Amino acid sequence: MKMQRWNPFLSRPLLAPMRPVSALQQDLGQLLDTFFRSAEPFGGMPDAYLPAMDVVENDKEIRIAVDLPGFDEKDLNVSVHKDVLNIRGERKGKHKEDGEDWHMTERYEGRFERSFALPTEVDTEKMSAVFKNGVLNVTMQKAPSARSEARRIAIRSA
């Protein structure tokens, strides 16, 4: 059985004159979907997956949270080189079994890589990464030389 998108013009007789326009719209939508899926965004990675990421900084540390639902921690790699944090991972998908008819698959399978230029120097010996409930949390302590100690500056009248 082939799944088909619901079309309000096909189910209401008063809207029957609009059927050709609806069919054209559907064909154009499929054409554009095919075109944009076949393009190679992000430097040649077709259908690139970029997980959502939050970056928070305070006086002592930088914290990064990355949404990675469906990934296993053994399939993730976190590294830092100079002032760039790299997060890589791979999610292996289920393969079609004999006797199964797949009607749709939208979940991402494959590799991803996110790189983030750190705004300040970090102490690589005091980095930690915790993966829980599909969220990777990376905490990096700022290097002592990079910590900004707030200092009040007196204002004089001229």
C-alpha atoms as a PDB file:
ATOM      1  CA  MET A   1       0.000   0.000   0.000  1.00  0.00           C
ATOM      2  CA  LYS A   2       1.379   3.370  -0.996  1.00  0.00           C
ATOM      3  CA  MET A   3       0.976   6.227   1.486  1.00  0.00           C
ATOM      4  CA  GLN A   4      -0.371   9.426  -0.009  1.00  0.00           C
ATOM      5  CA  ARG A   5      -0.553  12.928   1.412  1.00  0.00           C
ATOM      6  CA  TRP A   6      -4.111  14.065   2.257  1.00  0.00           C
ATOM      7  CA  ASN A   7      -5.478  16.530  -0.249  1.00  0.00           C
ATOM      8  CA  PRO A   8      -8.533  18.591   0.768  1.00  0.00           C
ATOM      9  CA  PHE A   9      -9.389  19.302  -2.876  1.00  0.00           C
ATOM     10  CA  LEU A  10     -10.033  15.629  -3.580  1.00  0.00           C
ATOM     11  CA  SER A  11     -12.456  15.133  -0.691  1.00  0.00           C
ATOM     12  CA  ARG A  12     -14.771  18.152  -1.227  1.00  0.00           C
ATOM     13  CA  PRO A  13     -16.917  18.378  -4.386  1.00  0.00           C
ATOM     14  CA  LEU A  14     -17.174  22.179  -4.247  1.00  0.00           C
ATOM     15  CA  LEU A  15     -13.417  22.427  -4.562  1.00  0.00           C
ATOM     16  CA  ALA A  16     -13.215  20.053  -7.554  1.00  0.00           C
ATOM     17  CA  PRO A  17     -12.291  22.860 -10.010  1.00  0.00           C
ATOM     18  CA  MET A  18      -9.114  23.396  -7.969  1.00  0.00           C
ATOM     19  CA  ARG A  19      -7.863  19.794  -8.463  1.00  0.00           C
ATOM     20  CA  PRO A  20      -5.514  20.647 -11.347  1.00  0.00           C
ATOM     21  CA  VAL A  21      -3.950  23.453  -9.304  1.00  0.00           C
ATOM     22  CA  SER A  22      -3.566  21.129  -6.321  1.00  0.00           C
ATOM     23  CA  ALA A  23      -1.920  18.451  -8.459  1.00  0.00           C
ATOM     24  CA  LEU A  24       0.473  21.046  -9.884  1.00  0.00           C
ATOM     25  CA  GLN A  25       1.296  22.246  -6.378  1.00  0.00           C
ATOM     26  CA  GLN A  26       1.971  18.684  -5.227  1.00  0.00           C
ATOM     27  CA  ASP A  27       4.190  17.937  -8.248  1.00  0.00           C
ATOM     28  CA  LEU A  28       6.119  21.172  -7.750  1.00  0.00           C
ATOM     29  CA  GLY A  29       6.588  20.375  -4.046  1.00  0.00           C
ATOM     30  CA  GLN A  30       7.988  16.936  -4.887  1.00  0.00           C
ATOM     31  CA  LEU A  31      10.309  18.441  -7.507  1.00  0.00           C
ATOM     32  CA  LEU A  32      11.677  21.000  -5.048  1.00  0.00           C
ATOM     33  CA  ASP A  33      12.089  18.344  -2.328  1.00  0.00           C
ATOM     34  CA  THR A  34      14.077  16.182  -4.738  1.00  0.00           C
ATOM     35  CA  PHE A  35      16.212  19.125  -5.849  1.00  0.00           C
ATOM     36  CA  PHE A  36      17.104  20.265  -2.329  1.00  0.00           C
ATOM     37  CA  ARG A  37      17.760  16.731  -1.083  1.00  0.00           C
ATOM     38  CA  SER A  38      20.158  16.067  -3.939  1.00  0.00           C
ATOM     39  CA  ALA A  39      22.099  19.281  -3.371  1.00  0.00           C
ATOM     40  CA  GLU A  40      25.237  18.901  -1.320  1.00  0.00           C
ATOM     41  CA  PRO A  41      25.072  21.416   1.517  1.00  0.00           C
ATOM     42  CA  PHE A  42      27.730  21.913   4.162  1.00  0.00           C
ATOM     43  CA  GLY A  43      30.794  21.112   2.098  1.00  0.00           C
ATOM     44  CA  GLY A  44      29.720  18.003   0.214  1.00  0.00           C
ATOM     45  CA  MET A  45      27.785  16.064   2.830  1.00  0.00           C
ATOM     46  CA  PRO A  46      24.430  15.178   1.256  1.00  0.00           C
ATOM     47  CA  ASP A  47      21.508  15.302   3.694  1.00  0.00           C
ATOM     48  CA  ALA A  48      23.847  16.537   6.421  1.00  0.00           C
ATOM     49  CA  TYR A  49      22.641  16.094   9.980  1.00  0.00           C
ATOM     50  CA  LEU A  50      23.463  18.931  12.349  1.00  0.00           C
ATOM     51  CA  PRO A  51      22.216  18.211  15.856  1.00  0.00           C
ATOM     52  CA  ALA A  52      20.886  21.149  17.867  1.00  0.00           C
ATOM     53  CA  MET A  53      23.461  22.623  20.233  1.00  0.00           C
ATOM     54  CA  ASP A  54      23.408  25.126  23.128  1.00  0.00           C
ATOM     55  CA  VAL A  55      26.580  26.892  24.264  1.00  0.00           C
ATOM     56  CA  VAL A  56      26.712  28.663  27.644  1.00  0.00           C
ATOM     57  CA  GLU A  57      29.670  30.509  29.137  1.00  0.00           C
ATOM     58  CA  ASN A  58      30.236  31.967  32.588  1.00  0.00           C
ATOM     59  CA  ASP A  59      33.333  33.193  34.435  1.00  0.00           C
ATOM     60  CA  LYS A  60      34.659  29.695  35.185  1.00  0.00           C
ATOM     61  CA  GLU A  61      33.489  27.346  32.434  1.00  0.00           C
ATOM     62  CA  ILE A  62      31.918  26.719  29.045  1.00  0.00           C
ATOM     63  CA  ARG A  63      29.041  24.230  28.844  1.00  0.00           C
ATOM     64  CA  ILE A  64      27.724  22.695  25.654  1.00  0.00           C
ATOM     65  CA  ALA A  65      24.561  20.602  25.374  1.00  0.00           C
ATOM     66  CA  VAL A  66      23.921  18.638  22.170  1.00  0.00           C
ATOM     67  CA  ASP A  67      20.641  16.859  21.385  1.00  0.00           C
ATOM     68  CA  LEU A  68      21.445  13.374  20.088  1.00  0.00           C
ATOM     69  CA  PRO A  69      18.311  11.221  20.437  1.00  0.00           C
ATOM     70  CA  GLY A  70      18.737   7.640  19.309  1.00  0.00           C
ATOM     71  CA  PHE A  71      22.543   7.685  19.521  1.00  0.00           C
ATOM     72  CA  ASP A  72      24.623   5.413  21.763  1.00  0.00           C
ATOM     73  CA  GLU A  73      27.473   6.878  23.787  1.00  0.00           C
ATOM     74  CA  LYS A  74      29.903   4.358  22.265  1.00  0.00           C
ATOM     75  CA  ASP A  75      29.172   5.896  18.848  1.00  0.00           C
ATOM     76  CA  LEU A  76      30.147   9.436  19.954  1.00  0.00           C
ATOM     77  CA  ASN A  77      33.567  11.095  19.990  1.00  0.00           C
ATOM     78  CA  VAL A  78      34.421  14.400  21.683  1.00  0.00           C
ATOM     79  CA  SER A  79      37.830  16.029  21.186  1.00  0.00           C
ATOM     80  CA  VAL A  80      39.444  19.436  21.422  1.00  0.00           C
ATOM     81  CA  HIS A  81      42.370  20.622  19.338  1.00  0.00           C
ATOM     82  CA  LYS A  82      43.793  24.082  19.982  1.00  0.00           C
ATOM     83  CA  ASP A  83      40.677  26.237  20.268  1.00  0.00           C
ATOM     84  CA  VAL A  84      38.199  24.010  18.404  1.00  0.00           C
ATOM     85  CA  LEU A  85      35.843  21.479  20.004  1.00  0.00           C
ATOM     86  CA  ASN A  86      34.838  18.591  17.711  1.00  0.00           C
ATOM     87  CA  ILE A  87      31.847  16.347  18.320  1.00  0.00           C
ATOM     88  CA  ARG A  88      31.422  13.382  15.981  1.00  0.00           C
ATOM     89  CA  GLY A  89      28.998  10.531  15.932  1.00  0.00           C
ATOM     90  CA  GLU A  90      27.312   7.863  13.907  1.00  0.00           C
ATOM     91  CA  ARG A  91      23.859   6.324  14.155  1.00  0.00           C
ATOM     92  CA  LYS A  92      23.394   3.002  12.469  1.00  0.00           C
ATOM     93  CA  GLY A  93      19.927   2.352  11.115  1.00  0.00           C
ATOM     94  CA  LYS A  94      17.860  -0.745  10.904  1.00  0.00           C
ATOM     95  CA  HIS A  95      18.097  -2.617   7.669  1.00  0.00           C
ATOM     96  CA  LYS A  96      15.070  -3.823   5.768  1.00  0.00           C
ATOM     97  CA  GLU A  97      14.176  -7.403   6.570  1.00  0.00           C
ATOM     98  CA  ASP A  98      12.591  -9.830   4.123  1.00  0.00           C
ATOM     99  CA  GLY A  99       8.817  -9.687   4.315  1.00  0.00           C
ATOM    100  CA  GLU A 100       8.753  -6.095   5.593  1.00  0.00           C
ATOM    101  CA  ASP A 101       7.212  -3.242   3.647  1.00  0.00           C
ATOM    102  CA  TRP A 102       8.556   0.147   4.745  1.00  0.00           C
ATOM    103  CA  HIS A 103       6.087   2.937   4.067  1.00  0.00           C
ATOM    104  CA  MET A 104       8.232   5.792   5.331  1.00  0.00           C
ATOM    105  CA  THR A 105      11.563   6.453   6.960  1.00  0.00           C
ATOM    106  CA  GLU A 106      12.559   9.931   8.138  1.00  0.00           C
ATOM    107  CA  ARG A 107      14.996   9.224  10.950  1.00  0.00           C
ATOM    108  CA  TYR A 108      18.598  10.120  10.271  1.00  0.00           C
ATOM    109  CA  GLU A 109      21.141   7.350   9.759  1.00  0.00           C
ATOM    110  CA  GLY A 110      24.803   8.015   9.229  1.00  0.00           C
ATOM    111  CA  ARG A 111      27.597  10.233  10.470  1.00  0.00           C
ATOM    112  CA  PHE A 112      27.675  13.805  11.657  1.00  0.00           C
ATOM    113  CA  GLU A 113      30.330  16.222  12.817  1.00  0.00           C
ATOM    114  CA  ARG A 114      29.963  19.537  14.635  1.00  0.00           C
ATOM    115  CA  SER A 115      32.900  21.832  15.296  1.00  0.00           C
ATOM    116  CA  PHE A 116      32.797  24.835  17.557  1.00  0.00           C
ATOM    117  CA  ALA A 117      35.473  27.514  17.902  1.00  0.00           C
ATOM    118  CA  LEU A 118      35.914  28.064  21.626  1.00  0.00           C
ATOM    119  CA  PRO A 119      35.669  31.721  22.630  1.00  0.00           C
ATOM    120  CA  THR A 120      38.496  31.351  25.138  1.00  0.00           C
ATOM    121  CA  GLU A 121      41.291  28.996  26.201  1.00  0.00           C
ATOM    122  CA  VAL A 122      40.173  25.936  28.204  1.00  0.00           C
ATOM    123  CA  ASP A 123      41.957  23.524  30.540  1.00  0.00           C
ATOM    124  CA  THR A 124      41.815  20.281  28.546  1.00  0.00           C
ATOM    125  CA  GLU A 125      42.684  18.235  31.662  1.00  0.00           C
ATOM    126  CA  LYS A 126      39.462  19.388  33.329  1.00  0.00           C
ATOM    127  CA  MET A 127      37.029  18.578  30.505  1.00  0.00           C
ATOM    128  CA  SER A 128      34.113  16.234  31.062  1.00  0.00           C
ATOM    129  CA  ALA A 129      31.391  14.779  28.862  1.00  0.00           C
ATOM    130  CA  VAL A 130      28.203  13.088  30.094  1.00  0.00           C
ATOM    131  CA  PHE A 131      25.631  11.434  27.826  1.00  0.00           C
ATOM    132  CA  LYS A 132      22.199  10.967  29.409  1.00  0.00           C
ATOM    133  CA  ASN A 133      18.679  10.735  27.950  1.00  0.00           C
ATOM    134  CA  GLY A 134      19.863  11.564  24.434  1.00  0.00           C
ATOM    135  CA  VAL A 135      21.689  14.745  25.461  1.00  0.00           C
ATOM    136  CA  LEU A 136      25.470  15.101  25.433  1.00  0.00           C
ATOM    137  CA  ASN A 137      26.701  17.642  28.004  1.00  0.00           C
ATOM    138  CA  VAL A 138      30.308  18.800  27.656  1.00  0.00           C
ATOM    139  CA  THR A 139      31.816  20.944  30.422  1.00  0.00           C
ATOM    140  CA  MET A 140      35.149  22.706  29.956  1.00  0.00           C
ATOM    141  CA  GLN A 141      36.887  24.661  32.688  1.00  0.00           C
ATOM    142  CA  LYS A 142      38.445  27.885  31.482  1.00  0.00           C
ATOM    143  CA  ALA A 143      42.203  28.110  31.761  1.00  0.00           C
ATOM    144  CA  PRO A 144      43.306  30.345  34.644  1.00  0.00           C
ATOM    145  CA  SER A 145      44.788  32.822  32.177  1.00  0.00           C
ATOM    146  CA  ALA A 146      41.436  33.114  30.394  1.00  0.00           C
ATOM    147  CA  ARG A 147      39.268  33.755  33.442  1.00  0.00           C
ATOM    148  CA  SER A 148      38.106  37.282  33.575  1.00  0.00           C
ATOM    149  CA  GLU A 149      38.192  38.667  37.046  1.00  0.00           C
ATOM    150  CA  ALA A 150      35.698  41.491  37.249  1.00  0.00           C
ATOM    151  CA  ARG A 151      37.225  44.641  38.578  1.00  0.00           C
ATOM    152  CA  ARG A 152      35.375  47.809  39.363  1.00  0.00           C
ATOM    153  CA  ILE A 153      36.891  50.888  37.800  1.00  0.00           C
ATOM    154  CA  ALA A 154      36.469  54.177  39.604  1.00  0.00           C
ATOM    155  CA  ILE A 155      34.890  56.987  37.630  1.00  0.00           C
ATOM    156  CA  ARG A 156      36.284  60.464  38.132  1.00  0.00           C
ATOM    157  CA  SER A 157      34.743  63.722  37.125  1.00  0.00           C
ATOM    158  CA  ALA A 158      36.737  65.763  34.659  1.00  0.00           C
END
